[in-house]
């Protein structure tokens, strides 16, 4: 009986203990759910700020151990190593090297004869192709000056074995022979347009179709030229096309190019060879490119040009133009622009082009004296210039918005006005107080892209760091102020502007970069992880 009594006592104690433990676990679980809900509510209430903070953390690679993310075997993320050790303010200027400037005269418009365009036929009115209404011919863009338009193409045939060339890079470079200026426009590859062989298709397929159809006149470029004229109203006269290896060869021939990267990117990067690259786990690693100033060799430049993992084709077109600008700046600094006639045989071994040697010689004086400050850059804007469209066979493509695209083409043909030239005159000093290396160069290059006269001046002071950006306005003008444009370019707010009128100022505006600097406004998504 005693044994039974003792056993019942122990069983009761055990039951009470288990019950208490279950109640405690239930209480903890309930409390955690309440906290989780509260956290979710707070997160949803601060979505915008959360996104910005997430981007800042990943874009600057603040949470990535630079030693841990090396190329050694087993690493899952590869940090793109920065190669510039001690860049100075002079590195970010676009001023030509003295050796690269010749006392040559810009050619007279009468000296330039251009190939004629055969205008394609109009399709029947109201016709539908590939489940899409065929657009009418775009009106020809008005030009007030003599222009020479060159289409720069990058093709991917080295990646495919289908014997079809796709031109995923298409940049129209419009040289104004009368004003000595130039404009660049990137054409998105997924624009769904009328191709004058009688079909609707992606713009990047027109060249390959012309090659395969032996299009007369001009084969691939001939059909692409007619396609661009029909849909956009601009006439491109010549082309220059490179494949991936040719692009790498040009960059390596220059000894690399300098690029200010204002958005962080991450994509797979090959670190193995042969059989290893057949397995993503062995031959590739995720590579992170933080915001910063870099010197790229040909391979890294190609990686930077092609990545689309966290971004889109619109931003990629912008990066292609940045690389063209970097190539031209490096070529001028090395004096290669003046040596172009001697380098021409070597160049045409890499570049497929129909520009005659004699025409290149006529344009050479203009090219030699062309400063990057005289180059305007244009890209399509998603939703504004295009709209999404899905074809009956499931293709997700882009249709051009005719009115907005026509305005973009007119801007391409219009040289900088006197007012725009005056805007580039006031000087903007950029100091770095962010704690991140070379961000003053990144910001000054971002301002130069927008046409402003900005110079990077390095660290603000020894150990002096700002939590937030600051713009000091020494002009304080009511009309013609550059403040709104600077704020847009650097993604700053009005609250970060400080007015300090100074008559004996060295610079009209002073930008001081803080830890919250973030000028990535090109649709690049925050990096995960």
Protein backbone atom coordinates (compact mmCIF):
# COMPACT_ATOMS: atom_id res chain seq x y z
CA UNK A 1 0.00 0.00 0.00
CA UNK A 2 2.86 2.35 0.84
CA UNK A 3 4.46 1.61 -2.49
CA UNK A 4 1.21 2.43 -4.33
CA UNK A 5 0.80 5.63 -2.34
CA UNK A 6 4.37 6.70 -3.11
CA UNK A 7 3.91 5.91 -6.83
CA UNK A 8 0.68 8.00 -6.98
CA UNK A 9 2.48 10.88 -5.27
CA UNK A 10 5.33 10.80 -7.82
CA UNK A 11 2.88 10.55 -10.73
CA UNK A 12 0.93 13.56 -9.45
CA UNK A 13 4.14 15.59 -9.13
CA UNK A 14 5.21 14.62 -12.66
CA UNK A 15 1.81 15.53 -14.10
CA UNK A 16 1.87 18.89 -12.35
CA UNK A 17 5.43 19.56 -13.64
CA UNK A 18 4.53 18.65 -17.22
CA UNK A 19 1.36 20.75 -17.04
CA UNK A 20 3.35 23.70 -15.71
CA UNK A 21 5.96 23.31 -18.44
CA UNK A 22 3.26 23.20 -21.13
CA UNK A 23 1.62 26.31 -19.70
CA UNK A 24 4.99 28.10 -19.67
CA UNK A 25 5.68 27.10 -23.28
CA UNK A 26 2.21 28.25 -24.30
CA UNK A 27 2.79 31.57 -22.55
CA UNK A 28 6.18 32.03 -24.27
CA UNK A 29 4.73 31.09 -27.68
CA UNK A 30 1.81 33.52 -27.23
CA UNK A 31 4.15 36.30 -26.17
CA UNK A 32 6.42 35.64 -29.17
CA UNK A 33 3.44 35.83 -31.53
CA UNK A 34 2.40 39.15 -30.01
CA UNK A 35 5.93 40.49 -30.40
CA UNK A 36 6.06 39.15 -33.97
CA UNK A 37 2.78 40.87 -34.85
CA UNK A 38 3.97 44.11 -33.27
CA UNK A 39 7.25 43.86 -35.18
CA UNK A 40 5.36 43.26 -38.41
CA UNK A 41 3.13 46.26 -37.74
CA UNK A 42 6.15 48.44 -37.07
CA UNK A 43 7.86 47.10 -40.18
CA UNK A 44 4.86 47.84 -42.36
CA UNK A 45 4.58 51.31 -40.86
CA UNK A 46 8.17 52.12 -41.81
CA UNK A 47 8.49 50.30 -45.15
CA UNK A 48 10.16 53.16 -46.98
CA UNK A 49 12.80 53.79 -44.36
CA UNK A 50 13.41 50.04 -43.96
CA UNK A 51 14.12 49.75 -47.67
CA UNK A 52 16.52 52.67 -47.56
CA UNK A 53 18.38 51.26 -44.56
CA UNK A 54 18.56 47.82 -46.16
CA UNK A 55 19.98 49.32 -49.30
CA UNK A 56 22.56 51.39 -47.45
CA UNK A 57 23.72 48.34 -45.51
CA UNK A 58 24.21 46.22 -48.61
CA UNK A 59 25.19 48.89 -51.10
CA UNK A 60 28.21 49.92 -49.08
CA UNK A 61 29.08 46.36 -48.08
CA UNK A 62 29.35 47.51 -44.46
CA UNK A 63 28.32 44.07 -43.21
CA UNK A 64 30.68 42.09 -45.46
CA UNK A 65 34.03 40.97 -44.11
CA UNK A 66 36.50 41.83 -46.88
CA UNK A 67 38.91 39.08 -45.89
CA UNK A 68 36.19 36.44 -45.54
CA UNK A 69 34.75 37.22 -48.97
CA UNK A 70 37.92 36.61 -50.91
CA UNK A 71 38.35 34.30 -53.88
CA UNK A 72 39.48 31.36 -51.76
CA UNK A 73 37.67 28.08 -52.26
CA UNK A 74 34.44 27.70 -50.36
CA UNK A 75 33.53 31.37 -50.20
CA UNK A 76 29.96 32.00 -51.32
CA UNK A 77 30.38 35.72 -52.05
CA UNK A 78 33.26 37.32 -53.90
CA UNK A 79 33.98 40.97 -53.22
CA UNK A 80 35.05 42.87 -56.30
CA UNK A 81 38.42 44.19 -55.25
CA UNK A 82 39.11 47.89 -55.58
CA UNK A 83 42.27 48.55 -57.57
CA UNK A 84 42.73 52.30 -57.20
CA UNK A 85 44.96 52.85 -54.19
CA UNK A 86 45.16 56.63 -53.87
CA UNK A 87 42.89 58.44 -56.32
CA UNK A 88 42.95 62.22 -56.27
CA UNK A 89 40.50 64.88 -57.35
CA UNK A 90 42.27 65.09 -60.71
CA UNK A 91 41.28 61.50 -61.45
CA UNK A 92 37.61 62.46 -61.65
CA UNK A 93 38.03 65.43 -63.98
CA UNK A 94 37.22 65.23 -67.65
CA UNK A 95 39.90 67.69 -68.73
CA UNK A 96 41.94 66.40 -71.68
CA UNK A 97 45.60 65.66 -71.39
CA UNK A 98 47.68 68.29 -73.19
CA UNK A 99 49.16 65.64 -75.44
CA UNK A 100 45.69 64.59 -76.51
CA UNK A 101 44.67 68.00 -77.89
CA UNK A 102 45.63 69.09 -81.39
CA UNK A 103 45.12 72.54 -82.94
CA UNK A 104 42.78 70.99 -85.50
CA UNK A 105 39.68 72.58 -86.94
CA UNK A 106 36.22 71.07 -86.76
CA UNK A 107 35.26 69.94 -90.26
CA UNK A 108 32.88 72.07 -92.24
CA UNK A 109 29.44 70.48 -92.73
CA UNK A 110 30.00 70.64 -96.46
CA UNK A 111 33.02 68.36 -96.08
CA UNK A 112 30.89 65.54 -94.68
CA UNK A 113 29.02 63.33 -97.15
CA UNK A 114 26.79 60.64 -95.65
CA UNK A 115 25.32 57.38 -96.95
CA UNK A 116 21.74 57.63 -98.14
CA UNK A 117 18.92 55.81 -96.42
CA UNK A 118 16.39 53.80 -98.42
CA UNK A 119 13.11 54.49 -96.63
CA UNK A 120 11.18 51.26 -95.91
CA UNK A 121 7.66 50.76 -97.19
CA UNK A 122 4.67 51.37 -94.96
CA UNK A 123 2.67 48.30 -93.91
CA UNK A 124 -1.09 48.29 -94.58
CA UNK A 125 -2.97 50.59 -92.19
CA UNK A 126 -4.59 48.83 -89.23
CA UNK A 127 -2.51 45.68 -89.64
CA UNK A 128 -1.84 43.42 -86.63
CA UNK A 129 1.23 41.22 -86.32
CA UNK A 130 2.10 38.87 -83.42
CA UNK A 131 -1.08 39.98 -81.68
CA UNK A 132 0.11 43.60 -81.72
CA UNK A 133 -1.15 46.55 -83.76
CA UNK A 134 1.58 47.70 -86.16
CA UNK A 135 2.47 51.33 -85.40
CA UNK A 136 2.45 53.95 -88.11
CA UNK A 137 5.76 55.38 -89.24
CA UNK A 138 7.27 57.81 -86.72
CA UNK A 139 7.65 61.37 -88.01
CA UNK A 140 11.22 62.26 -88.92
CA UNK A 141 12.97 64.05 -86.05
CA UNK A 142 13.73 67.68 -86.84
CA UNK A 143 17.41 68.61 -87.00
CA UNK A 144 18.68 72.15 -86.98
CA UNK A 145 22.34 71.14 -87.50
CA UNK A 146 24.38 68.74 -89.57
CA UNK A 147 24.68 65.49 -87.64
CA UNK A 148 26.65 62.29 -88.07
CA UNK A 149 24.98 59.40 -86.25
CA UNK A 150 26.95 56.27 -85.38
CA UNK A 151 25.26 53.20 -83.87
CA UNK A 152 27.44 51.35 -81.35
CA UNK A 153 26.48 47.68 -81.07
CA UNK A 154 27.45 44.94 -78.66
CA UNK A 155 26.49 41.42 -79.71
CA UNK A 156 26.21 38.09 -77.93
CA UNK A 157 26.98 35.53 -80.64
CA UNK A 158 29.86 34.14 -78.59
CA UNK A 159 27.35 32.89 -76.00
CA UNK A 160 24.99 31.15 -78.39
CA UNK A 161 25.38 28.43 -80.97
CA UNK A 162 22.18 29.19 -82.94
CA UNK A 163 24.00 31.24 -85.61
CA UNK A 164 21.88 34.28 -84.76
CA UNK A 165 23.28 37.66 -83.68
CA UNK A 166 21.43 39.64 -81.01
CA UNK A 167 22.53 43.19 -80.38
CA UNK A 168 21.79 43.59 -76.68
CA UNK A 169 23.78 46.84 -76.60
CA UNK A 170 22.56 49.61 -78.92
CA UNK A 171 23.81 53.17 -78.38
CA UNK A 172 23.19 55.99 -80.84
CA UNK A 173 26.05 58.50 -80.78
CA UNK A 174 25.02 61.72 -82.53
CA UNK A 175 27.96 63.97 -83.45
CA UNK A 176 27.03 67.58 -84.13
CA UNK A 177 29.51 68.76 -86.76
CA UNK A 178 28.49 72.41 -86.41
CA UNK A 179 28.55 72.83 -82.62
CA UNK A 180 31.31 70.34 -81.80
CA UNK A 181 29.05 68.56 -79.27
CA UNK A 182 27.62 65.04 -79.06
CA UNK A 183 24.71 63.10 -77.57
CA UNK A 184 24.30 59.43 -76.64
CA UNK A 185 21.08 57.43 -76.38
CA UNK A 186 20.73 53.80 -75.27
CA UNK A 187 17.99 51.78 -76.98
CA UNK A 188 16.43 49.01 -74.80
CA UNK A 189 16.80 45.59 -76.35
CA UNK A 190 13.22 44.48 -75.51
CA UNK A 191 11.43 47.24 -77.42
CA UNK A 192 8.79 45.50 -79.54
CA UNK A 193 8.83 47.34 -82.86
CA UNK A 194 7.92 46.96 -86.51
CA UNK A 195 10.82 45.46 -88.47
CA UNK A 196 10.56 46.31 -92.19
CA UNK A 197 10.98 42.71 -93.29
CA UNK A 198 7.27 42.50 -92.44
CA UNK A 199 7.11 41.39 -88.80
CA UNK A 200 6.91 42.76 -85.28
CA UNK A 201 9.86 41.77 -83.10
CA UNK A 202 12.35 42.75 -80.45
CA UNK A 203 14.68 45.53 -81.54
CA UNK A 204 17.74 43.47 -80.65
CA UNK A 205 16.81 40.86 -83.30
CA UNK A 206 16.71 43.22 -86.31
CA UNK A 207 20.46 43.00 -86.98
CA UNK A 208 20.51 39.20 -86.86
CA UNK A 209 17.47 38.97 -89.13
CA UNK A 210 19.17 41.21 -91.67
CA UNK A 211 22.28 39.05 -91.61
CA UNK A 212 20.36 35.79 -92.00
CA UNK A 213 18.09 37.19 -94.73
CA UNK A 214 21.04 38.80 -96.55
CA UNK A 215 19.00 42.00 -96.45
CA UNK A 216 19.60 44.36 -99.34
CA UNK A 217 20.90 46.95 -98.81
CA UNK A 218 23.26 46.65 -95.88
CA UNK A 219 22.52 43.16 -94.48
CA UNK A 220 22.22 43.33 -90.67
CA UNK A 221 22.90 47.01 -90.20
CA UNK A 222 20.77 47.86 -93.22
CA UNK A 223 17.67 46.27 -91.69
CA UNK A 224 18.40 47.67 -88.23
CA UNK A 225 18.92 51.12 -89.72
CA UNK A 226 15.54 51.01 -91.45
CA UNK A 227 13.91 49.67 -88.27
CA UNK A 228 15.24 52.57 -86.19
CA UNK A 229 14.16 55.12 -88.80
CA UNK A 230 10.64 53.67 -89.09
CA UNK A 231 9.99 53.49 -85.34
CA UNK A 232 11.95 56.47 -83.99
CA UNK A 233 12.36 58.90 -86.90
CA UNK A 234 16.17 59.14 -86.69
CA UNK A 235 18.68 58.16 -89.34
CA UNK A 236 21.83 56.36 -88.22
CA UNK A 237 24.57 56.59 -90.84
CA UNK A 238 27.25 54.16 -89.66
CA UNK A 239 27.73 51.37 -87.17
CA UNK A 240 30.52 49.85 -85.08
CA UNK A 241 30.00 46.41 -83.54
CA UNK A 242 32.06 44.39 -81.05
CA UNK A 243 31.51 41.02 -79.43
CA UNK A 244 32.45 40.19 -75.85
CA UNK A 245 36.08 39.31 -76.54
CA UNK A 246 36.49 42.45 -78.66
CA UNK A 247 35.14 44.60 -75.84
CA UNK A 248 37.55 43.01 -73.38
CA UNK A 249 40.44 43.50 -75.81
CA UNK A 250 39.71 47.23 -76.14
CA UNK A 251 39.61 47.74 -72.36
CA UNK A 252 42.80 45.75 -71.84
CA UNK A 253 44.54 47.62 -74.68
CA UNK A 254 43.86 50.82 -72.73
CA UNK A 255 45.23 49.33 -69.52
CA UNK A 256 41.79 49.34 -67.87
CA UNK A 257 39.24 52.10 -67.35
CA UNK A 258 38.12 54.06 -64.28
CA UNK A 259 34.44 53.85 -63.30
CA UNK A 260 32.54 55.57 -60.49
CA UNK A 261 29.94 53.03 -59.36
CA UNK A 262 26.97 54.74 -57.68
CA UNK A 263 24.78 51.65 -57.27
CA UNK A 264 25.76 48.38 -55.63
CA UNK A 265 25.51 45.22 -57.75
CA UNK A 266 25.69 41.51 -57.04
CA UNK A 267 25.73 38.71 -59.57
CA UNK A 268 27.39 35.38 -60.26
CA UNK A 269 31.02 35.54 -61.26
CA UNK A 270 33.10 32.66 -62.66
CA UNK A 271 35.93 31.62 -60.38
CA UNK A 272 36.52 28.14 -61.76
CA UNK A 273 37.58 26.80 -65.14
CA UNK A 274 36.54 23.96 -67.40
CA UNK A 275 34.39 21.34 -65.67
CA UNK A 276 34.05 23.47 -62.53
CA UNK A 277 31.95 26.07 -64.36
CA UNK A 278 29.37 23.45 -65.27
CA UNK A 279 28.42 23.40 -61.60
CA UNK A 280 27.27 26.69 -60.10
CA UNK A 281 28.34 25.48 -56.68
CA UNK A 282 31.95 24.96 -57.78
CA UNK A 283 32.60 27.27 -60.72
CA UNK A 284 30.69 30.43 -59.75
CA UNK A 285 30.37 32.66 -56.71
CA UNK A 286 28.11 35.60 -55.97
CA UNK A 287 30.18 38.72 -56.49
CA UNK A 288 29.39 41.98 -54.72
CA UNK A 289 30.36 45.33 -56.18
CA UNK A 290 29.86 48.02 -53.52
CA UNK A 291 29.48 51.73 -54.24
CA UNK A 292 32.96 53.10 -54.97
CA UNK A 293 35.55 54.11 -57.53
CA UNK A 294 37.23 51.29 -59.47
CA UNK A 295 39.69 50.49 -62.19
CA UNK A 296 38.25 47.69 -64.33
CA UNK A 297 40.16 45.41 -66.67
CA UNK A 298 38.33 43.97 -69.66
CA UNK A 299 36.81 41.02 -67.80
CA UNK A 300 35.52 43.08 -64.89
CA UNK A 301 34.21 45.78 -67.25
CA UNK A 302 32.25 43.13 -69.15
CA UNK A 303 30.81 41.76 -65.89
CA UNK A 304 29.78 45.29 -64.87
CA UNK A 305 28.24 45.94 -68.30
CA UNK A 306 26.18 42.73 -68.40
CA UNK A 307 24.86 42.26 -64.86
CA UNK A 308 21.07 42.46 -64.51
CA UNK A 309 20.45 40.35 -61.39
CA UNK A 310 19.11 43.21 -59.24
CA UNK A 311 18.36 45.68 -62.00
CA UNK A 312 16.98 45.98 -65.55
CA UNK A 313 17.91 46.83 -69.11
CA UNK A 314 17.29 50.55 -68.58
CA UNK A 315 19.99 50.78 -65.94
CA UNK A 316 22.24 48.54 -68.00
CA UNK A 317 21.99 51.01 -70.90
CA UNK A 318 23.16 53.76 -68.54
CA UNK A 319 26.15 51.67 -67.46
CA UNK A 320 27.05 51.04 -71.10
CA UNK A 321 27.25 54.79 -71.64
CA UNK A 322 29.38 55.20 -68.52
CA UNK A 323 31.80 52.67 -69.96
CA UNK A 324 31.89 54.46 -73.34
CA UNK A 325 32.69 57.71 -71.53
CA UNK A 326 35.42 55.96 -69.52
CA UNK A 327 36.93 54.44 -72.66
CA UNK A 328 37.00 57.80 -74.41
CA UNK A 329 38.48 59.58 -71.39
CA UNK A 330 41.24 56.96 -71.06
CA UNK A 331 42.00 57.01 -74.79
CA UNK A 332 42.39 60.79 -74.74
CA UNK A 333 44.58 60.75 -71.63
CA UNK A 334 46.91 58.29 -73.38
CA UNK A 335 46.98 60.39 -76.53
CA UNK A 336 45.43 57.55 -78.55
CA UNK A 337 42.83 59.83 -80.15
CA UNK A 338 45.55 61.64 -82.06
CA UNK A 339 47.05 58.28 -83.09
CA UNK A 340 43.78 56.93 -84.46
CA UNK A 341 44.98 56.86 -88.11
CA UNK A 342 47.96 54.71 -87.11
CA UNK A 343 45.80 52.49 -84.89
CA UNK A 344 43.03 52.07 -87.46
CA UNK A 345 44.30 48.71 -88.89
CA UNK A 346 44.53 47.27 -85.37
CA UNK A 347 41.12 48.67 -84.43
CA UNK A 348 39.22 47.18 -87.36
CA UNK A 349 40.63 43.75 -86.46
CA UNK A 350 38.55 44.03 -83.26
CA UNK A 351 35.64 46.22 -84.36
CA UNK A 352 33.27 45.44 -87.22
CA UNK A 353 32.38 48.81 -88.79
CA UNK A 354 31.35 50.40 -92.08
CA UNK A 355 32.89 53.81 -91.32
CA UNK A 356 35.27 54.57 -94.22
CA UNK A 357 38.83 55.49 -93.27
CA UNK A 358 38.49 58.79 -95.15
CA UNK A 359 35.35 59.68 -93.19
CA UNK A 360 37.12 58.91 -89.93
CA UNK A 361 39.87 61.34 -90.93
CA UNK A 362 37.28 64.06 -91.61
CA UNK A 363 35.68 63.52 -88.20
CA UNK A 364 38.97 63.20 -86.32
CA UNK A 365 39.37 66.93 -85.48
CA UNK A 366 35.89 66.96 -83.95
CA UNK A 367 36.62 63.81 -81.95
CA UNK A 368 39.97 65.06 -80.67
CA UNK A 369 38.43 68.27 -79.34
CA UNK A 370 35.30 66.62 -77.95
CA UNK A 371 35.27 66.97 -74.17
CA UNK A 372 32.97 64.83 -72.05
CA UNK A 373 31.38 68.04 -70.80
CA UNK A 374 30.08 68.50 -74.35
CA UNK A 375 28.37 65.08 -74.35
CA UNK A 376 24.73 64.73 -73.32
CA UNK A 377 23.48 61.34 -72.15
CA UNK A 378 19.96 60.00 -72.62
CA UNK A 379 18.22 56.76 -71.68
CA UNK A 380 14.66 55.48 -71.89
CA UNK A 381 12.68 55.65 -68.66
CA UNK A 382 10.50 52.70 -67.73
CA UNK A 383 6.74 53.37 -67.73
CA UNK A 384 7.26 56.91 -69.07
CA UNK A 385 8.84 56.07 -72.44
CA UNK A 386 7.57 52.48 -72.60
CA UNK A 387 4.69 50.29 -71.48
CA UNK A 388 4.62 46.58 -70.80
CA UNK A 389 3.06 44.27 -73.40
CA UNK A 390 2.57 40.52 -73.57
CA UNK A 391 2.25 38.88 -76.97
CA UNK A 392 -0.13 35.94 -77.57
CA UNK A 393 2.81 33.52 -77.45
CA UNK A 394 3.77 34.78 -73.99
CA UNK A 395 6.61 37.19 -74.78
CA UNK A 396 6.89 39.99 -72.20
CA UNK A 397 8.11 43.00 -74.17
CA UNK A 398 7.99 46.81 -74.21
CA UNK A 399 5.98 49.03 -76.52
CA UNK A 400 7.27 52.58 -77.10
CA UNK A 401 5.03 55.46 -76.02
CA UNK A 402 5.08 57.45 -79.25
CA UNK A 403 4.74 61.02 -77.93
CA UNK A 404 7.31 60.65 -75.15
CA UNK A 405 9.77 58.78 -77.39
CA UNK A 406 9.47 61.51 -80.07
CA UNK A 407 10.40 64.10 -77.43
CA UNK A 408 13.39 61.96 -76.42
CA UNK A 409 14.59 61.76 -80.03
CA UNK A 410 14.26 65.52 -80.39
CA UNK A 411 16.36 66.00 -77.25
CA UNK A 412 19.01 63.71 -78.77
CA UNK A 413 19.20 65.98 -81.82
CA UNK A 414 19.24 69.25 -79.88
CA UNK A 415 22.64 70.61 -78.74
CA UNK A 416 23.00 72.21 -75.29
CA UNK A 417 21.34 75.62 -75.22
CA UNK A 418 23.11 78.70 -73.92
CA UNK A 419 21.11 78.42 -70.71
CA UNK A 420 22.16 74.81 -70.25
CA UNK A 421 25.77 75.76 -70.93
CA UNK A 422 25.51 78.47 -68.27
CA UNK A 423 24.21 75.92 -65.77
CA UNK A 424 27.41 73.94 -66.17
CA UNK A 425 29.48 77.00 -65.32
CA UNK A 426 29.03 77.39 -61.54
CA UNK A 427 31.48 75.25 -59.61
CA UNK A 428 30.54 72.51 -57.17
CA UNK A 429 33.02 71.23 -54.61
CA UNK A 430 32.43 67.72 -53.22
CA UNK A 431 33.98 66.68 -49.91
CA UNK A 432 33.86 63.24 -48.32
CA UNK A 433 32.76 62.98 -44.69
CA UNK A 434 31.06 59.59 -44.99
CA UNK A 435 33.81 57.32 -43.74
CA UNK A 436 33.69 55.43 -47.05
CA UNK A 437 36.63 55.64 -49.43
CA UNK A 438 36.31 57.67 -52.66
CA UNK A 439 32.65 58.59 -52.30
CA UNK A 440 33.53 62.20 -53.21
CA UNK A 441 34.67 60.91 -56.62
CA UNK A 442 31.46 58.88 -57.00
CA UNK A 443 29.27 61.91 -56.22
CA UNK A 444 31.26 64.29 -58.44
CA UNK A 445 30.97 61.86 -61.36
CA UNK A 446 27.23 61.57 -60.73
CA UNK A 447 26.98 65.37 -60.95
CA UNK A 448 29.12 65.46 -64.09
CA UNK A 449 26.78 62.93 -65.68
CA UNK A 450 24.04 65.51 -65.12
CA UNK A 451 26.12 68.23 -66.79
CA UNK A 452 27.40 70.01 -63.68
CA UNK A 453 30.88 71.37 -63.10
CA UNK A 454 31.80 69.29 -60.05
CA UNK A 455 35.20 68.42 -58.58
CA UNK A 456 36.08 65.83 -55.94
CA UNK A 457 38.22 67.27 -53.13
CA UNK A 458 38.74 64.24 -50.91
CA UNK A 459 38.29 63.94 -47.16
CA UNK A 460 36.75 66.97 -45.43
CA UNK A 461 39.04 66.82 -42.43
CA UNK A 462 41.05 64.40 -40.36
CA UNK A 463 38.56 62.16 -38.60
CA UNK A 464 35.66 64.49 -39.44
CA UNK A 465 32.51 62.55 -40.33
CA UNK A 466 28.94 63.66 -40.92
CA UNK A 467 25.89 61.50 -40.20
CA UNK A 468 23.98 63.13 -43.07
CA UNK A 469 24.69 64.87 -46.39
CA UNK A 470 24.87 68.65 -46.54
CA UNK A 471 24.69 71.12 -49.42
CA UNK A 472 26.08 74.59 -48.72
CA UNK A 473 24.69 77.21 -51.12
CA UNK A 474 27.06 80.19 -51.38
CA UNK A 475 25.03 81.81 -54.19
CA UNK A 476 21.53 81.80 -52.66
CA UNK A 477 19.98 82.98 -55.93
CA UNK A 478 16.22 82.95 -56.32
CA UNK A 479 16.41 82.34 -60.09
CA UNK A 480 18.82 80.04 -61.88
CA UNK A 481 19.85 78.21 -58.73
CA UNK A 482 21.47 74.80 -59.18
CA UNK A 483 20.19 73.59 -55.81
CA UNK A 484 17.14 71.65 -57.13
CA UNK A 485 19.24 69.87 -59.76
CA UNK A 486 21.98 68.96 -57.28
CA UNK A 487 19.42 67.59 -54.85
CA UNK A 488 17.85 65.44 -57.57
CA UNK A 489 21.19 64.13 -58.80
CA UNK A 490 22.42 63.16 -55.34
CA UNK A 491 19.01 62.08 -53.98
CA UNK A 492 19.09 64.68 -51.20
CA UNK A 493 16.28 66.61 -49.51
CA UNK A 494 15.64 70.34 -49.03
CA UNK A 495 16.28 69.93 -45.31
CA UNK A 496 19.94 69.19 -46.11
CA UNK A 497 20.53 72.61 -47.72
CA UNK A 498 22.33 75.36 -45.84
CA UNK A 499 22.53 78.92 -47.21
CA UNK A 500 25.74 80.85 -46.58
CA UNK A 501 26.10 83.74 -49.03
CA UNK A 502 29.77 84.47 -49.75
CA UNK A 503 31.05 87.07 -52.20
CA UNK A 504 34.66 85.81 -52.16
CA UNK A 505 33.75 82.15 -52.41
CA UNK A 506 36.10 79.66 -54.04
CA UNK A 507 33.18 77.41 -55.05
CA UNK A 508 29.57 78.35 -55.67
CA UNK A 509 28.22 75.21 -54.02
CA UNK A 510 29.78 72.78 -51.55
CA UNK A 511 28.53 69.22 -51.10
CA UNK A 512 29.59 67.37 -47.95
CA UNK A 513 28.80 63.67 -48.10
CA UNK A 514 27.61 61.99 -44.93
CA UNK A 515 27.04 58.39 -43.97
CA UNK A 516 23.56 58.47 -45.53
CA UNK A 517 24.82 59.24 -49.06
CA UNK A 518 22.80 57.27 -51.58
CA UNK A 519 22.44 58.54 -55.16
CA UNK A 520 21.26 55.26 -56.70
CA UNK A 521 18.00 56.31 -58.34
CA UNK A 522 18.08 54.05 -61.41
CA UNK A 523 15.77 51.21 -60.41
CA UNK A 524 18.48 49.04 -58.86
CA UNK A 525 17.00 46.83 -56.14
CA UNK A 526 18.51 46.53 -52.64
CA UNK A 527 20.82 43.53 -52.38
CA UNK A 528 19.49 40.66 -50.31
CA UNK A 529 21.46 39.26 -47.43
